[in-house]
C-alpha atoms as a PDB file:
ATOM      1  CA  MET A   1       0.108   0.270  -0.324  1.00  0.00           C
ATOM      2  CA  ARG A   2       1.082   3.539  -1.196  1.00  0.00           C
ATOM      3  CA  SER A   3       2.262   6.446   1.606  1.00  0.00           C
ATOM      4  CA  ASP A   4      -0.290   9.009   1.950  1.00  0.00           C
ATOM      5  CA  ALA A   5       2.747  11.186   1.141  1.00  0.00           C
ATOM      6  CA  VAL A   6       2.892   9.553  -2.430  1.00  0.00           C
ATOM      7  CA  ILE A   7      -0.631   9.212  -3.266  1.00  0.00           C
ATOM      8  CA  LYS A   8      -1.068  13.429  -3.208  1.00  0.00           C
ATOM      9  CA  LYS A   9       2.622  13.314  -5.152  1.00  0.00           C
ATOM     10  CA  GLU A  10       1.083  11.076  -8.196  1.00  0.00           C
ATOM     11  CA  GLY A  11      -2.233  12.851  -7.608  1.00  0.00           C
ATOM     12  CA  PHE A  12      -0.637  16.248  -7.690  1.00  0.00           C
ATOM     13  CA  GLN A  13       1.440  15.198 -10.975  1.00  0.00           C
ATOM     14  CA  ALA A  14      -1.597  13.411 -12.934  1.00  0.00           C
ATOM     15  CA  LEU A  15      -3.184  17.067 -12.374  1.00  0.00           C
ATOM     16  CA  SER A  16      -0.051  18.768 -13.774  1.00  0.00           C
ATOM     17  CA  LYS A  17      -0.504  16.611 -16.843  1.00  0.00           C
ATOM     18  CA  LYS A  18      -3.873  18.159 -17.811  1.00  0.00           C
ATOM     19  CA  LEU A  19      -3.834  21.444 -16.048  1.00  0.00           C
ATOM     20  CA  ASP A  20      -1.290  23.860 -15.904  1.00  0.00           C
ATOM     21  CA  LEU A  21       0.295  24.885 -12.469  1.00  0.00           C
ATOM     22  CA  VAL A  22      -2.439  27.331 -11.221  1.00  0.00           C
ATOM     23  CA  GLU A  23      -5.267  26.012 -12.512  1.00  0.00           C
ATOM     24  CA  ALA A  24      -4.096  22.283 -10.344  1.00  0.00           C
ATOM     25  CA  GLU A  25      -4.027  24.173  -7.340  1.00  0.00           C
ATOM     26  CA  ARG A  26      -7.182  25.913  -8.670  1.00  0.00           C
ATOM     27  CA  PHE A  27      -8.955  22.759  -8.637  1.00  0.00           C
ATOM     28  CA  ILE A  28      -7.765  21.779  -5.214  1.00  0.00           C
ATOM     29  CA  VAL A  29      -9.219  24.739  -4.061  1.00  0.00           C
ATOM     30  CA  LEU A  30     -12.063  24.568  -5.283  1.00  0.00           C
ATOM     31  CA  ILE A  31     -12.897  20.705  -4.693  1.00  0.00           C
ATOM     32  CA  LYS A  32     -11.618  21.327  -0.950  1.00  0.00           C
ATOM     33  CA  ARG A  33     -14.239  24.563  -0.616  1.00  0.00           C
ATOM     34  CA  GLU A  34     -17.099  22.756  -1.734  1.00  0.00           C
ATOM     35  CA  ASN A  35     -18.614  19.732   0.404  1.00  0.00           C
ATOM     36  CA  PHE A  36     -17.553  17.239  -2.557  1.00  0.00           C
ATOM     37  CA  ASP A  37     -18.745  13.675  -2.557  1.00  0.00           C
ATOM     38  CA  TYR A  38     -16.669  11.690  -4.596  1.00  0.00           C
ATOM     39  CA  THR A  39     -19.377   9.288  -5.089  1.00  0.00           C
ATOM     40  CA  GLU A  40     -22.536  11.110  -5.930  1.00  0.00           C
ATOM     41  CA  TRP A  41     -19.970  13.176  -8.675  1.00  0.00           C
ATOM     42  CA  ARG A  42     -18.633   9.462  -9.720  1.00  0.00           C
ATOM     43  CA  LYS A  43     -22.326   7.987 -10.998  1.00  0.00           C
ATOM     44  CA  ASP A  44     -22.893  10.434 -13.611  1.00  0.00           C
ATOM     45  CA  LEU A  45     -19.417  10.643 -14.747  1.00  0.00           C
ATOM     46  CA  TRP A  46     -19.485   7.983 -17.353  1.00  0.00           C
ATOM     47  CA  GLU A  47     -23.694   8.337 -18.111  1.00  0.00           C
ATOM     48  CA  ASP A  48     -23.802   9.257 -21.761  1.00  0.00           C
ATOM     49  CA  MET A  49     -21.280   6.048 -22.142  1.00  0.00           C
ATOM     50  CA  GLY A  50     -22.973   2.523 -22.978  1.00  0.00           C
ATOM     51  CA  ILE A  51     -21.326  -0.469 -21.158  1.00  0.00           C
ATOM     52  CA  GLU A  52     -18.929  -1.563 -24.146  1.00  0.00           C
ATOM     53  CA  GLU A  53     -17.352   1.657 -24.811  1.00  0.00           C
ATOM     54  CA  LEU A  54     -16.627   2.209 -21.143  1.00  0.00           C
ATOM     55  CA  SER A  55     -15.048  -1.348 -21.106  1.00  0.00           C
ATOM     56  CA  ALA A  56     -12.796  -0.660 -23.708  1.00  0.00           C
ATOM     57  CA  LYS A  57     -11.310   2.605 -22.562  1.00  0.00           C
ATOM     58  CA  ALA A  58     -10.747   0.324 -19.454  1.00  0.00           C
ATOM     59  CA  MET A  59      -8.918  -2.219 -21.393  1.00  0.00           C
ATOM     60  CA  LYS A  60      -6.600   0.514 -23.626  1.00  0.00           C
ATOM     61  CA  HIS A  61      -5.791   2.141 -20.245  1.00  0.00           C
ATOM     62  CA  TYR A  62      -4.751  -1.131 -18.733  1.00  0.00           C
ATOM     63  CA  LYS A  63      -2.597  -2.325 -21.546  1.00  0.00           C
ATOM     64  CA  GLY A  64      -1.092   1.631 -21.275  1.00  0.00           C
ATOM     65  CA  LYS A  65      -0.223   0.278 -17.840  1.00  0.00           C
ATOM     66  CA  ASN A  66       1.850  -2.980 -18.858  1.00  0.00           C
END
């Protein structure tokens, strides 16, 4: 199991791949400011995607990590 420090570091690196430094910091502030419920947010994340498409994307992602 990875430590909290490692997870935070890798999480910020992941944000930095899509957002510039200021936007990544802003994202963190926005999440901390709101009463953010990841479980509720996740329910609608892929609602417009069929199970086959979602499965194909997951497999593509998985194969890219190996």
